[in-house]
């Protein structure tokens, strides 16, 4: 799984704006756009006043922990789709408890298709290394 800036920013926006408005509503979208505008103004101002050095004060363990937590949240939030069960939680512990409560309602066909897709992805990743780059273009 690739956990890059887009996935982490999406998590931050959803968690921040989600407390102020219901997801999918016009107010939610307006708040997300306003947040993007405010962040853009802050980034532009930091660039204008050459304040980029402040980022150096964020320690590597803090950034690594944040990235790892984002990967866990994104990964575990996909289990509901893999198992074909309904999960309504937004927080990590809510999602995990609902998955364990509803594990008996797993849709076998959905799980089978998901597992086959994962196996195919892993196999292609492994096979890809054995062919020259000219084979794929």
C-alpha atoms as a PDB file:
ATOM      1  CA  UNK A   1       0.000   0.000   0.000  1.00  0.00           C
ATOM      2  CA  UNK A   2       1.278   3.422  -0.857  1.00  0.00           C
ATOM      3  CA  UNK A   3       0.601   5.923   1.876  1.00  0.00           C
ATOM      4  CA  UNK A   4       1.616   9.247   0.506  1.00  0.00           C
ATOM      5  CA  UNK A   5       0.760  12.850   1.166  1.00  0.00           C
ATOM      6  CA  UNK A   6      -2.654  12.658  -0.505  1.00  0.00           C
ATOM      7  CA  UNK A   7      -3.901   9.832   1.710  1.00  0.00           C
ATOM      8  CA  UNK A   8      -2.682  11.497   4.880  1.00  0.00           C
ATOM      9  CA  UNK A   9      -4.093  14.897   3.938  1.00  0.00           C
ATOM     10  CA  UNK A  10      -7.423  13.240   3.172  1.00  0.00           C
ATOM     11  CA  UNK A  11      -7.450  11.675   6.642  1.00  0.00           C
ATOM     12  CA  UNK A  12      -6.657  15.005   8.276  1.00  0.00           C
ATOM     13  CA  UNK A  13      -9.364  16.844   6.349  1.00  0.00           C
ATOM     14  CA  UNK A  14     -11.958  14.160   7.066  1.00  0.00           C
ATOM     15  CA  UNK A  15     -11.163  14.106  10.765  1.00  0.00           C
ATOM     16  CA  UNK A  16     -11.058  17.879  11.110  1.00  0.00           C
ATOM     17  CA  UNK A  17     -14.057  18.836   9.012  1.00  0.00           C
ATOM     18  CA  UNK A  18     -16.022  15.748  10.071  1.00  0.00           C
ATOM     19  CA  UNK A  19     -16.473  17.192  13.552  1.00  0.00           C
ATOM     20  CA  UNK A  20     -18.071  20.345  12.151  1.00  0.00           C
ATOM     21  CA  UNK A  21     -20.379  18.959   9.449  1.00  0.00           C
ATOM     22  CA  UNK A  22     -21.823  15.697   8.170  1.00  0.00           C
ATOM     23  CA  UNK A  23     -19.815  14.109   5.373  1.00  0.00           C
ATOM     24  CA  UNK A  24     -21.215  14.725   1.895  1.00  0.00           C
ATOM     25  CA  UNK A  25     -23.275  17.784   2.780  1.00  0.00           C
ATOM     26  CA  UNK A  26     -22.813  21.193   1.166  1.00  0.00           C
ATOM     27  CA  UNK A  27     -21.481  22.570   4.446  1.00  0.00           C
ATOM     28  CA  UNK A  28     -18.880  19.766   4.620  1.00  0.00           C
ATOM     29  CA  UNK A  29     -17.683  20.504   1.089  1.00  0.00           C
ATOM     30  CA  UNK A  30     -17.587  24.257   1.748  1.00  0.00           C
ATOM     31  CA  UNK A  31     -15.552  23.714   4.932  1.00  0.00           C
ATOM     32  CA  UNK A  32     -13.121  21.401   3.116  1.00  0.00           C
ATOM     33  CA  UNK A  33     -12.639  24.027   0.385  1.00  0.00           C
ATOM     34  CA  UNK A  34     -12.158  26.757   2.997  1.00  0.00           C
ATOM     35  CA  UNK A  35      -9.609  24.593   4.805  1.00  0.00           C
ATOM     36  CA  UNK A  36      -7.716  24.052   1.535  1.00  0.00           C
ATOM     37  CA  UNK A  37      -7.701  27.811   0.916  1.00  0.00           C
ATOM     38  CA  UNK A  38      -6.431  28.591   4.420  1.00  0.00           C
ATOM     39  CA  UNK A  39      -3.667  25.977   4.150  1.00  0.00           C
ATOM     40  CA  UNK A  40      -2.685  27.366   0.745  1.00  0.00           C
ATOM     41  CA  UNK A  41      -2.438  30.889   2.151  1.00  0.00           C
ATOM     42  CA  UNK A  42      -0.323  29.638   5.064  1.00  0.00           C
ATOM     43  CA  UNK A  43       2.005  27.710   2.729  1.00  0.00           C
ATOM     44  CA  UNK A  44       2.333  30.684   0.394  1.00  0.00           C
ATOM     45  CA  UNK A  45       3.096  32.974   3.348  1.00  0.00           C
ATOM     46  CA  UNK A  46       5.697  30.566   4.712  1.00  0.00           C
ATOM     47  CA  UNK A  47       7.365  30.473   1.308  1.00  0.00           C
ATOM     48  CA  UNK A  48       7.202  34.232   0.939  1.00  0.00           C
ATOM     49  CA  UNK A  49       8.795  34.835   4.345  1.00  0.00           C
ATOM     50  CA  UNK A  50      11.249  31.913   3.950  1.00  0.00           C
ATOM     51  CA  UNK A  51       9.974  29.987   6.978  1.00  0.00           C
ATOM     52  CA  UNK A  52      10.556  26.506   5.524  1.00  0.00           C
ATOM     53  CA  UNK A  53      13.307  25.858   8.061  1.00  0.00           C
ATOM     54  CA  UNK A  54      10.586  25.392  10.712  1.00  0.00           C
ATOM     55  CA  UNK A  55       9.801  21.972   9.200  1.00  0.00           C
ATOM     56  CA  UNK A  56      13.229  20.789  10.348  1.00  0.00           C
ATOM     57  CA  UNK A  57      11.985  20.961  13.941  1.00  0.00           C
ATOM     58  CA  UNK A  58       9.570  18.047  13.311  1.00  0.00           C
ATOM     59  CA  UNK A  59      11.419  14.953  14.469  1.00  0.00           C
ATOM     60  CA  UNK A  60      11.703  11.864  12.304  1.00  0.00           C
ATOM     61  CA  UNK A  61       9.916   9.606  14.845  1.00  0.00           C
ATOM     62  CA  UNK A  62       6.903  11.949  14.848  1.00  0.00           C
ATOM     63  CA  UNK A  63       6.650  11.889  11.060  1.00  0.00           C
ATOM     64  CA  UNK A  64       7.241   8.122  10.913  1.00  0.00           C
ATOM     65  CA  UNK A  65       4.595   7.499  13.586  1.00  0.00           C
ATOM     66  CA  UNK A  66       2.069   9.668  11.795  1.00  0.00           C
ATOM     67  CA  UNK A  67       2.737   7.887   8.485  1.00  0.00           C
ATOM     68  CA  UNK A  68       2.472   4.448  10.105  1.00  0.00           C
ATOM     69  CA  UNK A  69      -0.775   5.352  11.845  1.00  0.00           C
ATOM     70  CA  UNK A  70      -2.228   6.627   8.572  1.00  0.00           C
ATOM     71  CA  UNK A  71      -1.262   3.352   6.874  1.00  0.00           C
ATOM     72  CA  UNK A  72      -2.978   1.335   9.611  1.00  0.00           C
ATOM     73  CA  UNK A  73      -6.156   3.405   9.497  1.00  0.00           C
ATOM     74  CA  UNK A  74      -6.378   3.230   5.704  1.00  0.00           C
ATOM     75  CA  UNK A  75      -5.560  -0.496   5.619  1.00  0.00           C
ATOM     76  CA  UNK A  76      -7.992  -1.543   8.319  1.00  0.00           C
ATOM     77  CA  UNK A  77     -10.756   0.647   6.916  1.00  0.00           C
ATOM     78  CA  UNK A  78     -10.669  -1.551   3.794  1.00  0.00           C
ATOM     79  CA  UNK A  79     -11.496  -4.738   5.719  1.00  0.00           C
ATOM     80  CA  UNK A  80     -15.217  -3.933   5.606  1.00  0.00           C
ATOM     81  CA  UNK A  81     -15.047  -4.018   1.806  1.00  0.00           C
ATOM     82  CA  UNK A  82     -12.928  -7.173   1.754  1.00  0.00           C
ATOM     83  CA  UNK A  83     -15.275  -9.002   4.116  1.00  0.00           C
ATOM     84  CA  UNK A  84     -18.483  -7.564   2.644  1.00  0.00           C
ATOM     85  CA  UNK A  85     -19.859  -6.410   5.994  1.00  0.00           C
ATOM     86  CA  UNK A  86     -21.399  -3.141   7.149  1.00  0.00           C
ATOM     87  CA  UNK A  87     -19.229  -0.968   9.380  1.00  0.00           C
ATOM     88  CA  UNK A  88     -20.320   2.498  10.470  1.00  0.00           C
ATOM     89  CA  UNK A  89     -17.398   3.630  12.620  1.00  0.00           C
ATOM     90  CA  UNK A  90     -14.915   6.304  11.671  1.00  0.00           C
ATOM     91  CA  UNK A  91     -12.339   5.770  14.402  1.00  0.00           C
ATOM     92  CA  UNK A  92      -9.867   2.911  14.390  1.00  0.00           C
ATOM     93  CA  UNK A  93     -11.187   1.184  17.521  1.00  0.00           C
ATOM     94  CA  UNK A  94     -14.824   1.570  16.386  1.00  0.00           C
ATOM     95  CA  UNK A  95     -14.008   0.011  13.007  1.00  0.00           C
ATOM     96  CA  UNK A  96     -12.109  -2.897  14.567  1.00  0.00           C
ATOM     97  CA  UNK A  97     -14.793  -3.655  17.158  1.00  0.00           C
ATOM     98  CA  UNK A  98     -17.541  -3.617  14.525  1.00  0.00           C
ATOM     99  CA  UNK A  99     -15.499  -5.868  12.235  1.00  0.00           C
ATOM    100  CA  UNK A 100     -15.080  -8.409  15.053  1.00  0.00           C
ATOM    101  CA  UNK A 101     -18.761  -8.148  15.998  1.00  0.00           C
ATOM    102  CA  UNK A 102     -19.902  -8.713  12.395  1.00  0.00           C
ATOM    103  CA  UNK A 103     -17.264 -11.250  11.315  1.00  0.00           C
ATOM    104  CA  UNK A 104     -19.920 -13.967  11.258  1.00  0.00           C
ATOM    105  CA  UNK A 105     -21.783 -11.991   8.554  1.00  0.00           C
ATOM    106  CA  UNK A 106     -18.844 -12.207   6.137  1.00  0.00           C
ATOM    107  CA  UNK A 107     -19.953 -12.464   2.518  1.00  0.00           C
ATOM    108  CA  UNK A 108     -17.956 -15.458   1.235  1.00  0.00           C
ATOM    109  CA  UNK A 109     -18.104 -14.467  -2.450  1.00  0.00           C
ATOM    110  CA  UNK A 110     -16.812 -10.966  -1.724  1.00  0.00           C
ATOM    111  CA  UNK A 111     -14.037 -12.355   0.458  1.00  0.00           C
ATOM    112  CA  UNK A 112     -13.062 -14.901  -2.221  1.00  0.00           C
ATOM    113  CA  UNK A 113     -12.874 -12.288  -4.968  1.00  0.00           C
ATOM    114  CA  UNK A 114     -10.875  -9.967  -2.709  1.00  0.00           C
ATOM    115  CA  UNK A 115      -8.381 -12.660  -1.740  1.00  0.00           C
ATOM    116  CA  UNK A 116      -7.931 -13.756  -5.365  1.00  0.00           C
ATOM    117  CA  UNK A 117      -7.309 -10.127  -6.358  1.00  0.00           C
ATOM    118  CA  UNK A 118      -4.704  -9.744  -3.599  1.00  0.00           C
ATOM    119  CA  UNK A 119      -2.971 -12.964  -4.666  1.00  0.00           C
ATOM    120  CA  UNK A 120      -2.912 -11.786  -8.300  1.00  0.00           C
ATOM    121  CA  UNK A 121      -1.439  -8.414  -7.275  1.00  0.00           C
ATOM    122  CA  UNK A 122       1.298 -10.088  -5.223  1.00  0.00           C
ATOM    123  CA  UNK A 123       2.062 -12.586  -8.001  1.00  0.00           C
ATOM    124  CA  UNK A 124       2.313  -9.877 -10.662  1.00  0.00           C
ATOM    125  CA  UNK A 125       4.600  -7.869  -8.392  1.00  0.00           C
ATOM    126  CA  UNK A 126       6.881 -10.885  -7.992  1.00  0.00           C
ATOM    127  CA  UNK A 127       6.747 -11.864 -11.700  1.00  0.00           C
ATOM    128  CA  UNK A 128       7.370  -8.295 -12.821  1.00  0.00           C
ATOM    129  CA  UNK A 129      10.925  -8.437 -11.427  1.00  0.00           C
ATOM    130  CA  UNK A 130      11.845 -11.370 -13.706  1.00  0.00           C
ATOM    131  CA  UNK A 131      11.101  -9.630 -17.014  1.00  0.00           C
ATOM    132  CA  UNK A 132      13.203  -6.909 -18.649  1.00  0.00           C
ATOM    133  CA  UNK A 133      11.673  -3.397 -18.760  1.00  0.00           C
ATOM    134  CA  UNK A 134      11.334  -3.604 -22.545  1.00  0.00           C
ATOM    135  CA  UNK A 135       8.849  -6.493 -22.112  1.00  0.00           C
ATOM    136  CA  UNK A 136       6.303  -4.234 -20.383  1.00  0.00           C
ATOM    137  CA  UNK A 137       6.410  -1.364 -22.883  1.00  0.00           C
END
